[in-house]
Amino acid sequence: MNAAVLIPALNAAESLPALLERTLQFVSCNSVFVINDGSGDATKTAAEKFGVNVISHEMNRGKGAALQTGFDTVLKGPFDAVVTMDADLQHRPEEIPNFFTFHSVTKKDVIIGSRMHNTKQMPFHRILSNTMTSALVRMRTGAAISDSQSGFRFITRAVLEHVRLESAGFEAETEFLIKAAARGFTFGSIPIDTIYAGERSHMTHVQTTVNFIKVLLKQY
């Protein structure tokens, strides 16, 4: 499968080198796209050193906007699918091939890397948040989604061609699932490692919660 890897990045100069070095063991540099979302550090330079594709927003626009910029860019290429990953080393590049294997067997359109099979390393507030939001997304979509907040995902080209994000922030990942389900695409999940050592989130929790509720209630 000719798949791209998409990494939205905000002030990720410290974590990107290790992430890209490991990612490039599984895909070529031409298949990796880093969306530098208005970073105030050396994120752009750190990514460019590895010869990957770097697209920069002049100002920080949010994760949803970074994802859509990446999706638009991937669609201009010959890719059959995309794997999205966070830039903070919470996702293991070594697990990328597992998505390809699962897709080859199941042909699912969207495959989510689920952390909920083993929550021992997950902070309690994250367990509670992920459990509640995933349950609400399942109710909204009718799809078997075990970890709706996971950013480690495999998405086929067909989904990218029919789903466009309107939300700019973290709530865009929920919007994506709702829209994909409404258009009849299929979902699967695979277990991924839960990594929270040195967690540093760019989320503003109150606003993110409000935006999540708005997306959940909106008709698409």
N, C-alpha and C. Protein backbone atom coordinates (compact mmCIF):
# COMPACT_ATOMS: atom_id res chain seq x y z
N MET A 1 0.84 -1.19 0.00
CA MET A 1 0.00 0.00 0.00
C MET A 1 0.87 1.23 0.00
N ASN A 2 0.50 2.19 -0.85
CA ASN A 2 1.22 3.46 -0.93
C ASN A 2 0.56 4.43 0.03
N ALA A 3 1.03 4.48 1.26
CA ALA A 3 0.41 5.30 2.30
C ALA A 3 1.34 6.43 2.72
N ALA A 4 0.72 7.56 3.02
CA ALA A 4 1.45 8.71 3.56
C ALA A 4 1.34 8.70 5.07
N VAL A 5 2.27 9.39 5.73
CA VAL A 5 2.19 9.60 7.17
C VAL A 5 2.09 11.10 7.40
N LEU A 6 1.07 11.51 8.15
CA LEU A 6 0.78 12.91 8.38
C LEU A 6 0.97 13.25 9.85
N ILE A 7 1.80 14.26 10.13
CA ILE A 7 2.12 14.63 11.51
C ILE A 7 1.87 16.12 11.73
N PRO A 8 0.74 16.49 12.35
CA PRO A 8 0.55 17.89 12.75
C PRO A 8 1.52 18.21 13.88
N ALA A 9 2.17 19.35 13.80
CA ALA A 9 3.22 19.65 14.79
C ALA A 9 3.14 21.09 15.26
N LEU A 10 3.13 21.27 16.57
CA LEU A 10 3.17 22.60 17.18
C LEU A 10 4.26 22.61 18.24
N ASN A 11 5.29 23.40 18.01
CA ASN A 11 6.41 23.51 18.95
C ASN A 11 6.95 22.13 19.33
N ALA A 12 7.26 21.36 18.31
CA ALA A 12 7.68 19.97 18.50
C ALA A 12 9.14 19.72 18.11
N ALA A 13 9.96 20.76 18.16
CA ALA A 13 11.35 20.62 17.73
C ALA A 13 12.11 19.58 18.54
N GLU A 14 11.77 19.39 19.81
CA GLU A 14 12.50 18.44 20.65
C GLU A 14 12.12 17.00 20.34
N SER A 15 10.85 16.76 20.06
CA SER A 15 10.39 15.38 19.86
C SER A 15 10.46 14.91 18.42
N LEU A 16 10.41 15.83 17.46
CA LEU A 16 10.35 15.43 16.05
C LEU A 16 11.55 14.62 15.57
N PRO A 17 12.78 14.97 15.91
CA PRO A 17 13.90 14.17 15.39
C PRO A 17 13.79 12.69 15.70
N ALA A 18 13.49 12.34 16.94
CA ALA A 18 13.36 10.93 17.30
C ALA A 18 12.17 10.30 16.59
N LEU A 19 11.07 11.04 16.51
CA LEU A 19 9.88 10.51 15.85
C LEU A 19 10.13 10.24 14.38
N LEU A 20 10.75 11.19 13.70
CA LEU A 20 10.99 11.03 12.26
C LEU A 20 12.03 9.95 11.98
N GLU A 21 13.06 9.89 12.81
CA GLU A 21 14.08 8.85 12.61
C GLU A 21 13.46 7.46 12.67
N ARG A 22 12.55 7.27 13.59
CA ARG A 22 11.90 5.97 13.73
C ARG A 22 10.86 5.74 12.64
N THR A 23 10.13 6.79 12.28
CA THR A 23 9.10 6.67 11.24
C THR A 23 9.71 6.30 9.90
N LEU A 24 10.86 6.87 9.60
CA LEU A 24 11.50 6.63 8.30
C LEU A 24 12.06 5.22 8.15
N GLN A 25 11.95 4.43 9.19
CA GLN A 25 12.30 3.01 9.06
C GLN A 25 11.18 2.24 8.35
N PHE A 26 10.01 2.86 8.23
CA PHE A 26 8.85 2.14 7.69
C PHE A 26 8.26 2.79 6.43
N VAL A 27 8.50 4.07 6.23
CA VAL A 27 8.02 4.75 5.03
C VAL A 27 9.13 5.67 4.52
N SER A 28 9.06 6.04 3.25
CA SER A 28 10.09 6.91 2.68
C SER A 28 9.85 8.36 3.09
N CYS A 29 10.89 9.17 3.00
CA CYS A 29 10.77 10.57 3.38
C CYS A 29 9.76 11.31 2.49
N ASN A 30 9.61 10.87 1.25
CA ASN A 30 8.65 11.50 0.35
C ASN A 30 7.21 11.25 0.76
N SER A 31 7.01 10.27 1.64
CA SER A 31 5.66 9.91 2.07
C SER A 31 5.29 10.52 3.42
N VAL A 32 6.20 11.26 4.02
CA VAL A 32 5.96 11.86 5.33
C VAL A 32 5.68 13.35 5.18
N PHE A 33 4.61 13.81 5.80
CA PHE A 33 4.19 15.21 5.73
C PHE A 33 4.06 15.77 7.14
N VAL A 34 4.89 16.76 7.45
CA VAL A 34 4.81 17.44 8.74
C VAL A 34 4.12 18.78 8.51
N ILE A 35 3.03 19.02 9.22
CA ILE A 35 2.33 20.30 9.14
C ILE A 35 2.76 21.14 10.33
N ASN A 36 3.61 22.09 10.08
CA ASN A 36 4.12 22.98 11.12
C ASN A 36 3.07 24.07 11.36
N ASP A 37 2.33 23.92 12.45
CA ASP A 37 1.16 24.78 12.69
C ASP A 37 1.53 26.04 13.46
N GLY A 38 2.31 26.90 12.82
CA GLY A 38 2.66 28.18 13.42
C GLY A 38 3.54 28.06 14.64
N SER A 39 4.44 27.11 14.64
CA SER A 39 5.31 26.89 15.81
C SER A 39 6.21 28.09 16.07
N GLY A 40 6.52 28.30 17.35
CA GLY A 40 7.41 29.38 17.73
C GLY A 40 8.83 28.91 17.98
N ASP A 41 9.08 27.61 17.74
CA ASP A 41 10.42 27.07 17.93
C ASP A 41 10.98 26.59 16.59
N ALA A 42 11.92 25.67 16.63
CA ALA A 42 12.60 25.23 15.41
C ALA A 42 11.95 23.98 14.81
N THR A 43 10.65 23.83 14.96
CA THR A 43 9.94 22.67 14.40
C THR A 43 10.21 22.51 12.91
N LYS A 44 10.09 23.58 12.17
CA LYS A 44 10.27 23.52 10.71
C LYS A 44 11.67 23.03 10.36
N THR A 45 12.69 23.60 11.00
CA THR A 45 14.07 23.22 10.73
C THR A 45 14.33 21.77 11.12
N ALA A 46 13.79 21.35 12.26
CA ALA A 46 13.99 19.98 12.73
C ALA A 46 13.43 18.98 11.74
N ALA A 47 12.28 19.28 11.15
CA ALA A 47 11.67 18.37 10.19
C ALA A 47 12.43 18.37 8.86
N GLU A 48 12.82 19.54 8.42
CA GLU A 48 13.50 19.65 7.13
C GLU A 48 14.81 18.88 7.09
N LYS A 49 15.46 18.73 8.24
CA LYS A 49 16.73 18.01 8.29
C LYS A 49 16.59 16.55 7.86
N PHE A 50 15.37 16.02 7.92
CA PHE A 50 15.14 14.63 7.56
C PHE A 50 14.64 14.47 6.13
N GLY A 51 14.52 15.57 5.41
CA GLY A 51 14.13 15.51 4.01
C GLY A 51 12.67 15.21 3.77
N VAL A 52 11.84 15.32 4.83
CA VAL A 52 10.41 15.05 4.67
C VAL A 52 9.71 16.30 4.14
N ASN A 53 8.47 16.14 3.73
CA ASN A 53 7.67 17.28 3.27
C ASN A 53 7.24 18.11 4.47
N VAL A 54 7.46 19.41 4.41
CA VAL A 54 7.07 20.30 5.49
C VAL A 54 6.18 21.40 4.93
N ILE A 55 4.98 21.51 5.47
CA ILE A 55 4.06 22.57 5.11
C ILE A 55 3.82 23.40 6.35
N SER A 56 3.98 24.72 6.25
CA SER A 56 3.89 25.57 7.43
C SER A 56 2.72 26.53 7.36
N HIS A 57 2.00 26.66 8.48
CA HIS A 57 1.05 27.73 8.68
C HIS A 57 1.80 28.89 9.31
N GLU A 58 1.60 30.09 8.80
CA GLU A 58 2.30 31.24 9.35
C GLU A 58 1.90 31.50 10.80
N MET A 59 0.62 31.24 11.10
CA MET A 59 0.12 31.40 12.46
C MET A 59 -0.49 30.09 12.92
N ASN A 60 -0.55 29.88 14.24
CA ASN A 60 -1.19 28.68 14.77
C ASN A 60 -2.68 28.70 14.47
N ARG A 61 -3.15 27.67 13.77
CA ARG A 61 -4.55 27.60 13.36
C ARG A 61 -5.32 26.48 14.03
N GLY A 62 -4.62 25.57 14.71
CA GLY A 62 -5.29 24.48 15.40
C GLY A 62 -5.08 23.15 14.72
N LYS A 63 -5.27 22.08 15.50
CA LYS A 63 -4.99 20.74 14.98
C LYS A 63 -5.89 20.37 13.82
N GLY A 64 -7.17 20.74 13.91
CA GLY A 64 -8.08 20.42 12.82
C GLY A 64 -7.66 21.07 11.52
N ALA A 65 -7.26 22.32 11.59
CA ALA A 65 -6.80 23.03 10.40
C ALA A 65 -5.53 22.39 9.86
N ALA A 66 -4.63 21.97 10.76
CA ALA A 66 -3.39 21.32 10.32
C ALA A 66 -3.69 19.99 9.64
N LEU A 67 -4.62 19.24 10.19
CA LEU A 67 -5.00 17.97 9.57
C LEU A 67 -5.58 18.19 8.18
N GLN A 68 -6.47 19.17 8.05
CA GLN A 68 -7.09 19.39 6.74
C GLN A 68 -6.06 19.86 5.71
N THR A 69 -5.12 20.70 6.13
CA THR A 69 -4.02 21.08 5.23
C THR A 69 -3.27 19.84 4.77
N GLY A 70 -3.01 18.93 5.71
CA GLY A 70 -2.32 17.70 5.36
C GLY A 70 -3.14 16.82 4.44
N PHE A 71 -4.42 16.68 4.72
CA PHE A 71 -5.29 15.85 3.86
C PHE A 71 -5.32 16.41 2.44
N ASP A 72 -5.45 17.72 2.32
CA ASP A 72 -5.47 18.34 0.99
C ASP A 72 -4.18 18.07 0.24
N THR A 73 -3.07 18.11 0.96
CA THR A 73 -1.76 17.88 0.34
C THR A 73 -1.62 16.43 -0.09
N VAL A 74 -2.02 15.51 0.78
CA VAL A 74 -1.93 14.08 0.47
C VAL A 74 -2.76 13.73 -0.76
N LEU A 75 -3.93 14.34 -0.88
CA LEU A 75 -4.81 14.06 -2.01
C LEU A 75 -4.22 14.50 -3.34
N LYS A 76 -3.27 15.39 -3.31
CA LYS A 76 -2.61 15.82 -4.54
C LYS A 76 -1.60 14.78 -5.02
N GLY A 77 -1.26 13.83 -4.18
CA GLY A 77 -0.28 12.80 -4.50
C GLY A 77 -0.95 11.49 -4.85
N PRO A 78 -0.14 10.44 -5.06
CA PRO A 78 -0.66 9.15 -5.51
C PRO A 78 -1.01 8.19 -4.38
N PHE A 79 -1.28 8.73 -3.20
CA PHE A 79 -1.41 7.88 -2.01
C PHE A 79 -2.78 7.21 -1.91
N ASP A 80 -2.78 5.98 -1.44
CA ASP A 80 -4.01 5.21 -1.24
C ASP A 80 -4.62 5.45 0.13
N ALA A 81 -3.80 5.92 1.06
CA ALA A 81 -4.26 6.09 2.44
C ALA A 81 -3.27 7.00 3.18
N VAL A 82 -3.67 7.39 4.38
CA VAL A 82 -2.80 8.19 5.23
C VAL A 82 -2.86 7.66 6.65
N VAL A 83 -1.73 7.72 7.34
CA VAL A 83 -1.68 7.43 8.77
C VAL A 83 -1.39 8.74 9.48
N THR A 84 -2.26 9.13 10.41
CA THR A 84 -2.02 10.35 11.18
C THR A 84 -1.39 9.99 12.52
N MET A 85 -0.43 10.80 12.93
CA MET A 85 0.27 10.59 14.20
C MET A 85 0.49 11.93 14.88
N ASP A 86 0.52 11.91 16.21
CA ASP A 86 0.88 13.11 16.95
C ASP A 86 2.40 13.26 16.96
N ALA A 87 2.85 14.49 17.20
CA ALA A 87 4.27 14.79 17.10
C ALA A 87 5.02 14.65 18.43
N ASP A 88 4.32 14.28 19.49
CA ASP A 88 4.91 14.33 20.83
C ASP A 88 5.43 12.99 21.35
N LEU A 89 5.60 12.02 20.46
CA LEU A 89 6.13 10.70 20.81
C LEU A 89 5.15 9.85 21.64
N GLN A 90 3.87 10.22 21.62
CA GLN A 90 2.89 9.37 22.29
C GLN A 90 2.43 8.23 21.39
N HIS A 91 2.84 8.27 20.13
CA HIS A 91 2.51 7.19 19.20
C HIS A 91 3.81 6.55 18.72
N ARG A 92 3.83 5.23 18.70
CA ARG A 92 5.03 4.49 18.32
C ARG A 92 5.02 4.22 16.81
N PRO A 93 5.97 4.78 16.07
CA PRO A 93 6.04 4.52 14.63
C PRO A 93 6.15 3.03 14.31
N GLU A 94 6.71 2.27 15.24
CA GLU A 94 6.87 0.83 15.03
C GLU A 94 5.52 0.12 14.84
N GLU A 95 4.44 0.79 15.22
CA GLU A 95 3.11 0.19 15.09
C GLU A 95 2.43 0.53 13.77
N ILE A 96 3.05 1.37 12.95
CA ILE A 96 2.47 1.73 11.66
C ILE A 96 2.15 0.50 10.81
N PRO A 97 3.07 -0.47 10.67
CA PRO A 97 2.75 -1.64 9.83
C PRO A 97 1.52 -2.42 10.29
N ASN A 98 1.18 -2.32 11.58
CA ASN A 98 0.01 -3.03 12.08
C ASN A 98 -1.28 -2.52 11.44
N PHE A 99 -1.30 -1.23 11.16
CA PHE A 99 -2.47 -0.66 10.48
C PHE A 99 -2.60 -1.23 9.07
N PHE A 100 -1.47 -1.33 8.37
CA PHE A 100 -1.49 -1.85 7.00
C PHE A 100 -1.96 -3.30 6.98
N THR A 101 -1.45 -4.08 7.94
CA THR A 101 -1.83 -5.49 8.00
C THR A 101 -3.33 -5.64 8.29
N PHE A 102 -3.81 -4.85 9.24
CA PHE A 102 -5.22 -4.93 9.60
C PHE A 102 -6.11 -4.52 8.42
N HIS A 103 -5.70 -3.48 7.71
CA HIS A 103 -6.49 -3.05 6.56
C HIS A 103 -6.50 -4.10 5.45
N SER A 104 -5.37 -4.75 5.24
CA SER A 104 -5.28 -5.75 4.18
C SER A 104 -6.23 -6.91 4.44
N VAL A 105 -6.50 -7.17 5.71
CA VAL A 105 -7.39 -8.28 6.08
C VAL A 105 -8.85 -7.84 6.11
N THR A 106 -9.11 -6.65 6.68
CA THR A 106 -10.50 -6.23 6.95
C THR A 106 -11.06 -5.26 5.92
N LYS A 107 -10.18 -4.52 5.23
CA LYS A 107 -10.59 -3.49 4.27
C LYS A 107 -11.37 -2.35 4.93
N LYS A 108 -11.20 -2.15 6.22
CA LYS A 108 -11.87 -1.05 6.90
C LYS A 108 -11.37 0.29 6.38
N ASP A 109 -12.28 1.26 6.30
CA ASP A 109 -11.93 2.58 5.76
C ASP A 109 -11.17 3.44 6.76
N VAL A 110 -11.56 3.35 8.02
CA VAL A 110 -10.91 4.11 9.09
C VAL A 110 -10.52 3.13 10.19
N ILE A 111 -9.24 3.14 10.54
CA ILE A 111 -8.75 2.25 11.60
C ILE A 111 -8.14 3.13 12.69
N ILE A 112 -8.63 2.97 13.90
CA ILE A 112 -8.20 3.81 15.02
C ILE A 112 -7.28 3.01 15.92
N GLY A 113 -6.16 3.60 16.28
CA GLY A 113 -5.28 2.99 17.26
C GLY A 113 -5.85 3.21 18.65
N SER A 114 -6.30 2.15 19.29
CA SER A 114 -6.99 2.28 20.57
C SER A 114 -6.07 2.01 21.75
N ARG A 115 -6.12 2.93 22.71
CA ARG A 115 -5.33 2.79 23.94
C ARG A 115 -6.13 2.14 25.06
N MET A 116 -7.41 1.87 24.80
CA MET A 116 -8.31 1.46 25.87
C MET A 116 -8.21 -0.01 26.25
N HIS A 117 -7.40 -0.78 25.50
CA HIS A 117 -7.23 -2.19 25.86
C HIS A 117 -6.31 -2.34 27.07
N ASN A 118 -5.50 -1.30 27.33
CA ASN A 118 -4.57 -1.35 28.46
C ASN A 118 -4.39 0.06 28.99
N THR A 119 -5.08 0.38 30.06
CA THR A 119 -5.10 1.75 30.56
C THR A 119 -4.19 1.96 31.78
N LYS A 120 -3.32 0.99 32.05
CA LYS A 120 -2.48 1.09 33.25
C LYS A 120 -1.58 2.32 33.22
N GLN A 121 -1.12 2.70 32.03
CA GLN A 121 -0.22 3.85 31.93
C GLN A 121 -0.96 5.16 31.66
N MET A 122 -2.28 5.10 31.60
CA MET A 122 -3.07 6.28 31.26
C MET A 122 -3.52 7.01 32.53
N PRO A 123 -3.32 8.32 32.62
CA PRO A 123 -3.80 9.08 33.77
C PRO A 123 -5.32 8.91 33.94
N PHE A 124 -5.78 8.93 35.18
CA PHE A 124 -7.20 8.66 35.44
C PHE A 124 -8.11 9.63 34.69
N HIS A 125 -7.74 10.91 34.65
CA HIS A 125 -8.62 11.88 33.98
C HIS A 125 -8.73 11.57 32.49
N ARG A 126 -7.69 10.97 31.91
CA ARG A 126 -7.75 10.58 30.51
C ARG A 126 -8.63 9.35 30.31
N ILE A 127 -8.55 8.41 31.24
CA ILE A 127 -9.42 7.22 31.16
C ILE A 127 -10.87 7.66 31.19
N LEU A 128 -11.19 8.53 32.14
CA LEU A 128 -12.56 9.02 32.29
C LEU A 128 -13.01 9.78 31.05
N SER A 129 -12.17 10.68 30.58
CA SER A 129 -12.50 11.48 29.41
C SER A 129 -12.69 10.63 28.17
N ASN A 130 -11.74 9.72 27.92
CA ASN A 130 -11.82 8.88 26.72
C ASN A 130 -13.02 7.94 26.76
N THR A 131 -13.31 7.40 27.94
CA THR A 131 -14.45 6.49 28.08
C THR A 131 -15.76 7.22 27.77
N MET A 132 -15.91 8.42 28.33
CA MET A 132 -17.15 9.17 28.16
C MET A 132 -17.30 9.67 26.72
N THR A 133 -16.24 10.25 26.19
CA THR A 133 -16.36 10.81 24.83
C THR A 133 -16.55 9.70 23.80
N SER A 134 -15.88 8.59 23.98
CA SER A 134 -16.04 7.48 23.03
C SER A 134 -17.45 6.92 23.08
N ALA A 135 -18.02 6.83 24.27
CA ALA A 135 -19.40 6.35 24.40
C ALA A 135 -20.36 7.29 23.69
N LEU A 136 -20.16 8.58 23.85
CA LEU A 136 -21.03 9.57 23.20
C LEU A 136 -20.88 9.51 21.68
N VAL A 137 -19.65 9.33 21.20
CA VAL A 137 -19.43 9.24 19.76
C VAL A 137 -20.07 7.97 19.20
N ARG A 138 -19.98 6.88 19.94
CA ARG A 138 -20.64 5.64 19.50
C ARG A 138 -22.16 5.83 19.40
N MET A 139 -22.73 6.51 20.39
CA MET A 139 -24.16 6.78 20.35
C MET A 139 -24.53 7.67 19.17
N ARG A 140 -23.69 8.63 18.88
CA ARG A 140 -23.96 9.58 17.79
C ARG A 140 -23.82 8.94 16.43
N THR A 141 -22.86 8.02 16.28
CA THR A 141 -22.55 7.46 14.97
C THR A 141 -23.09 6.06 14.74
N GLY A 142 -23.30 5.31 15.83
CA GLY A 142 -23.67 3.90 15.69
C GLY A 142 -22.50 3.03 15.28
N ALA A 143 -21.29 3.59 15.30
CA ALA A 143 -20.09 2.85 14.88
C ALA A 143 -19.33 2.33 16.09
N ALA A 144 -18.61 1.23 15.91
CA ALA A 144 -17.83 0.62 16.99
C ALA A 144 -16.50 1.36 17.13
N ILE A 145 -16.52 2.44 17.89
CA ILE A 145 -15.34 3.29 18.07
C ILE A 145 -14.93 3.21 19.54
N SER A 146 -13.78 2.62 19.80
CA SER A 146 -13.38 2.37 21.19
C SER A 146 -12.56 3.51 21.79
N ASP A 147 -11.92 4.33 20.96
CA ASP A 147 -11.05 5.40 21.45
C ASP A 147 -11.15 6.59 20.49
N SER A 148 -12.21 7.36 20.66
CA SER A 148 -12.51 8.43 19.70
C SER A 148 -11.49 9.57 19.74
N GLN A 149 -10.74 9.66 20.83
CA GLN A 149 -9.78 10.77 20.96
C GLN A 149 -8.38 10.41 20.50
N SER A 150 -8.18 9.19 20.04
CA SER A 150 -6.86 8.80 19.56
C SER A 150 -6.55 9.48 18.23
N GLY A 151 -5.37 10.06 18.14
CA GLY A 151 -4.95 10.69 16.90
C GLY A 151 -4.14 9.78 16.00
N PHE A 152 -3.92 8.55 16.44
CA PHE A 152 -3.17 7.56 15.66
C PHE A 152 -4.20 6.79 14.83
N ARG A 153 -4.31 7.14 13.54
CA ARG A 153 -5.38 6.62 12.70
C ARG A 153 -4.88 6.28 11.30
N PHE A 154 -5.54 5.31 10.71
CA PHE A 154 -5.35 4.96 9.29
C PHE A 154 -6.64 5.36 8.57
N ILE A 155 -6.50 6.09 7.47
CA ILE A 155 -7.67 6.58 6.74
C ILE A 155 -7.45 6.37 5.25
N THR A 156 -8.40 5.75 4.58
CA THR A 156 -8.25 5.52 3.15
C THR A 156 -8.49 6.81 2.36
N ARG A 157 -8.00 6.81 1.15
CA ARG A 157 -8.15 7.97 0.27
C ARG A 157 -9.62 8.32 0.03
N ALA A 158 -10.44 7.29 -0.10
CA ALA A 158 -11.87 7.52 -0.36
C ALA A 158 -12.50 8.37 0.73
N VAL A 159 -12.12 8.13 1.99
CA VAL A 159 -12.66 8.91 3.09
C VAL A 159 -12.21 10.37 2.97
N LEU A 160 -10.93 10.58 2.68
CA LEU A 160 -10.42 11.95 2.55
C LEU A 160 -11.12 12.70 1.43
N GLU A 161 -11.53 11.99 0.40
CA GLU A 161 -12.20 12.62 -0.73
C GLU A 161 -13.63 13.03 -0.41
N HIS A 162 -14.21 12.44 0.64
CA HIS A 162 -15.62 12.71 0.95
C HIS A 162 -15.85 13.41 2.29
N VAL A 163 -14.80 13.56 3.09
CA VAL A 163 -14.94 14.21 4.39
C VAL A 163 -14.00 15.41 4.45
N ARG A 164 -14.59 16.56 4.74
CA ARG A 164 -13.77 17.77 4.89
C ARG A 164 -14.04 18.39 6.26
N LEU A 165 -12.99 18.72 6.97
CA LEU A 165 -13.12 19.26 8.32
C LEU A 165 -13.47 20.74 8.29
N GLU A 166 -14.41 21.11 9.15
CA GLU A 166 -14.76 22.51 9.34
C GLU A 166 -14.15 23.06 10.63
N SER A 167 -14.02 22.20 11.63
CA SER A 167 -13.49 22.62 12.92
C SER A 167 -11.97 22.78 12.85
N ALA A 168 -11.47 23.78 13.55
CA ALA A 168 -10.03 24.04 13.52
C ALA A 168 -9.28 23.41 14.67
N GLY A 169 -9.96 23.14 15.78
CA GLY A 169 -9.29 22.66 16.98
C GLY A 169 -9.28 21.15 17.13
N PHE A 170 -9.09 20.69 18.37
CA PHE A 170 -9.01 19.27 18.66
C PHE A 170 -10.34 18.56 18.41
N GLU A 171 -11.44 19.31 18.46
CA GLU A 171 -12.75 18.71 18.22
C GLU A 171 -12.91 18.20 16.79
N ALA A 172 -11.99 18.60 15.92
CA ALA A 172 -12.05 18.16 14.52
C ALA A 172 -11.93 16.65 14.40
N GLU A 173 -11.22 16.02 15.31
CA GLU A 173 -11.06 14.56 15.23
C GLU A 173 -12.39 13.85 15.49
N THR A 174 -13.24 14.45 16.33
CA THR A 174 -14.58 13.91 16.54
C THR A 174 -15.46 14.21 15.33
N GLU A 175 -15.37 15.41 14.81
CA GLU A 175 -16.11 15.77 13.60
C GLU A 175 -15.81 14.81 12.47
N PHE A 176 -14.54 14.46 12.32
CA PHE A 176 -14.14 13.54 11.25
C PHE A 176 -14.86 12.20 11.38
N LEU A 177 -14.92 11.66 12.59
CA LEU A 177 -15.56 10.37 12.80
C LEU A 177 -17.06 10.44 12.51
N ILE A 178 -17.70 11.51 12.96
CA ILE A 178 -19.14 11.67 12.72
C ILE A 178 -19.44 11.76 11.24
N LYS A 179 -18.66 12.56 10.52
CA LYS A 179 -18.89 12.72 9.09
C LYS A 179 -18.60 11.43 8.32
N ALA A 180 -17.54 10.74 8.69
CA ALA A 180 -17.20 9.50 7.99
C ALA A 180 -18.29 8.45 8.21
N ALA A 181 -18.80 8.37 9.44
CA ALA A 181 -19.88 7.42 9.72
C ALA A 181 -21.14 7.79 8.95
N ALA A 182 -21.46 9.08 8.89
CA ALA A 182 -22.67 9.53 8.19
C ALA A 182 -22.60 9.20 6.70
N ARG A 183 -21.41 9.10 6.17
CA ARG A 183 -21.23 8.80 4.75
C ARG A 183 -21.06 7.31 4.48
N GLY A 184 -21.23 6.51 5.51
CA GLY A 184 -21.26 5.07 5.35
C GLY A 184 -19.93 4.37 5.35
N PHE A 185 -18.86 5.05 5.76
CA PHE A 185 -17.56 4.40 5.80
C PHE A 185 -17.46 3.48 7.01
N THR A 186 -16.60 2.49 6.90
CA THR A 186 -16.48 1.47 7.94
C THR A 186 -15.32 1.74 8.88
N PHE A 187 -15.45 1.24 10.12
CA PHE A 187 -14.47 1.51 11.16
C PHE A 187 -13.91 0.22 11.75
N GLY A 188 -12.65 0.27 12.13
CA GLY A 188 -12.02 -0.81 12.87
C GLY A 188 -11.06 -0.21 13.87
N SER A 189 -10.50 -1.04 14.72
CA SER A 189 -9.50 -0.54 15.67
C SER A 189 -8.47 -1.61 15.94
N ILE A 190 -7.28 -1.16 16.28
CA ILE A 190 -6.21 -2.06 16.70
C ILE A 190 -5.63 -1.53 18.00
N PRO A 191 -5.13 -2.40 18.86
CA PRO A 191 -4.53 -1.93 20.11
C PRO A 191 -3.18 -1.25 19.84
N ILE A 192 -2.94 -0.15 20.54
CA ILE A 192 -1.64 0.52 20.49
C ILE A 192 -1.16 0.74 21.91
N ASP A 193 0.13 0.95 22.05
CA ASP A 193 0.69 1.20 23.38
C ASP A 193 0.21 2.55 23.90
N THR A 194 0.03 2.61 25.20
CA THR A 194 -0.34 3.86 25.87
C THR A 194 0.91 4.51 26.42
N ILE A 195 1.24 5.69 25.91
CA ILE A 195 2.47 6.37 26.30
C ILE A 195 2.11 7.77 26.78
N TYR A 196 2.38 8.04 28.05
CA TYR A 196 2.08 9.36 28.60
C TYR A 196 3.26 9.95 29.37
N ALA A 197 4.43 9.34 29.29
CA ALA A 197 5.59 9.87 30.01
C ALA A 197 5.90 11.27 29.51
N GLY A 198 5.98 12.22 30.44
CA GLY A 198 6.31 13.59 30.06
C GLY A 198 5.23 14.23 29.23
N GLU A 199 3.98 13.89 29.50
CA GLU A 199 2.87 14.39 28.70
C GLU A 199 2.84 15.92 28.71
N ARG A 200 2.69 16.50 27.52
CA ARG A 200 2.56 17.96 27.40
C ARG A 200 1.50 18.22 26.34
N SER A 201 0.32 18.62 26.79
CA SER A 201 -0.79 18.80 25.87
C SER A 201 -0.99 20.27 25.55
N HIS A 202 -1.39 20.53 24.29
CA HIS A 202 -1.73 21.89 23.88
C HIS A 202 -3.21 22.15 24.04
N MET A 203 -3.94 21.18 24.61
CA MET A 203 -5.38 21.34 24.78
C MET A 203 -5.69 22.36 25.88
N THR A 204 -6.74 23.17 25.67
CA THR A 204 -7.37 23.94 26.72
C THR A 204 -8.64 23.18 27.07
N HIS A 205 -8.64 22.48 28.19
CA HIS A 205 -9.64 21.45 28.44
C HIS A 205 -11.07 21.97 28.44
N VAL A 206 -11.34 23.13 29.05
CA VAL A 206 -12.71 23.64 29.11
C VAL A 206 -13.21 23.95 27.71
N GLN A 207 -12.42 24.69 26.95
CA GLN A 207 -12.84 25.06 25.60
C GLN A 207 -12.95 23.83 24.70
N THR A 208 -12.03 22.88 24.87
CA THR A 208 -12.08 21.65 24.07
C THR A 208 -13.36 20.88 24.36
N THR A 209 -13.77 20.83 25.63
CA THR A 209 -15.01 20.15 26.00
C THR A 209 -16.22 20.83 25.39
N VAL A 210 -16.25 22.16 25.46
CA VAL A 210 -17.36 22.91 24.86
C VAL A 210 -17.43 22.66 23.36
N ASN A 211 -16.30 22.70 22.70
CA ASN A 211 -16.26 22.48 21.25
C ASN A 211 -16.67 21.06 20.89
N PHE A 212 -16.26 20.09 21.73
CA PHE A 212 -16.66 18.70 21.50
C PHE A 212 -18.18 18.56 21.54
N ILE A 213 -18.81 19.18 22.51
CA ILE A 213 -20.27 19.09 22.64
C ILE A 213 -20.95 19.73 21.44
N LYS A 214 -20.42 20.86 20.98
CA LYS A 214 -20.99 21.53 19.81
C LYS A 214 -20.93 20.63 18.59
N VAL A 215 -19.78 19.98 18.39
CA VAL A 215 -19.62 19.09 17.24
C VAL A 215 -20.55 17.90 17.37
N LEU A 216 -20.67 17.36 18.57
CA LEU A 216 -21.50 16.18 18.80
C LEU A 216 -22.97 16.46 18.46
N LEU A 217 -23.43 17.68 18.74
CA LEU A 217 -24.83 18.03 18.55
C LEU A 217 -25.13 18.57 17.15
N LYS A 218 -24.10 18.93 16.42
CA LYS A 218 -24.31 19.55 15.11
C LYS A 218 -24.73 18.51 14.08
N GLN A 219 -25.61 18.93 13.19
CA GLN A 219 -26.04 18.06 12.09
C GLN A 219 -25.15 18.29 10.88
N TYR A 220 -24.58 17.20 10.36
CA TYR A 220 -23.68 17.31 9.20
C TYR A 220 -24.34 16.66 7.98
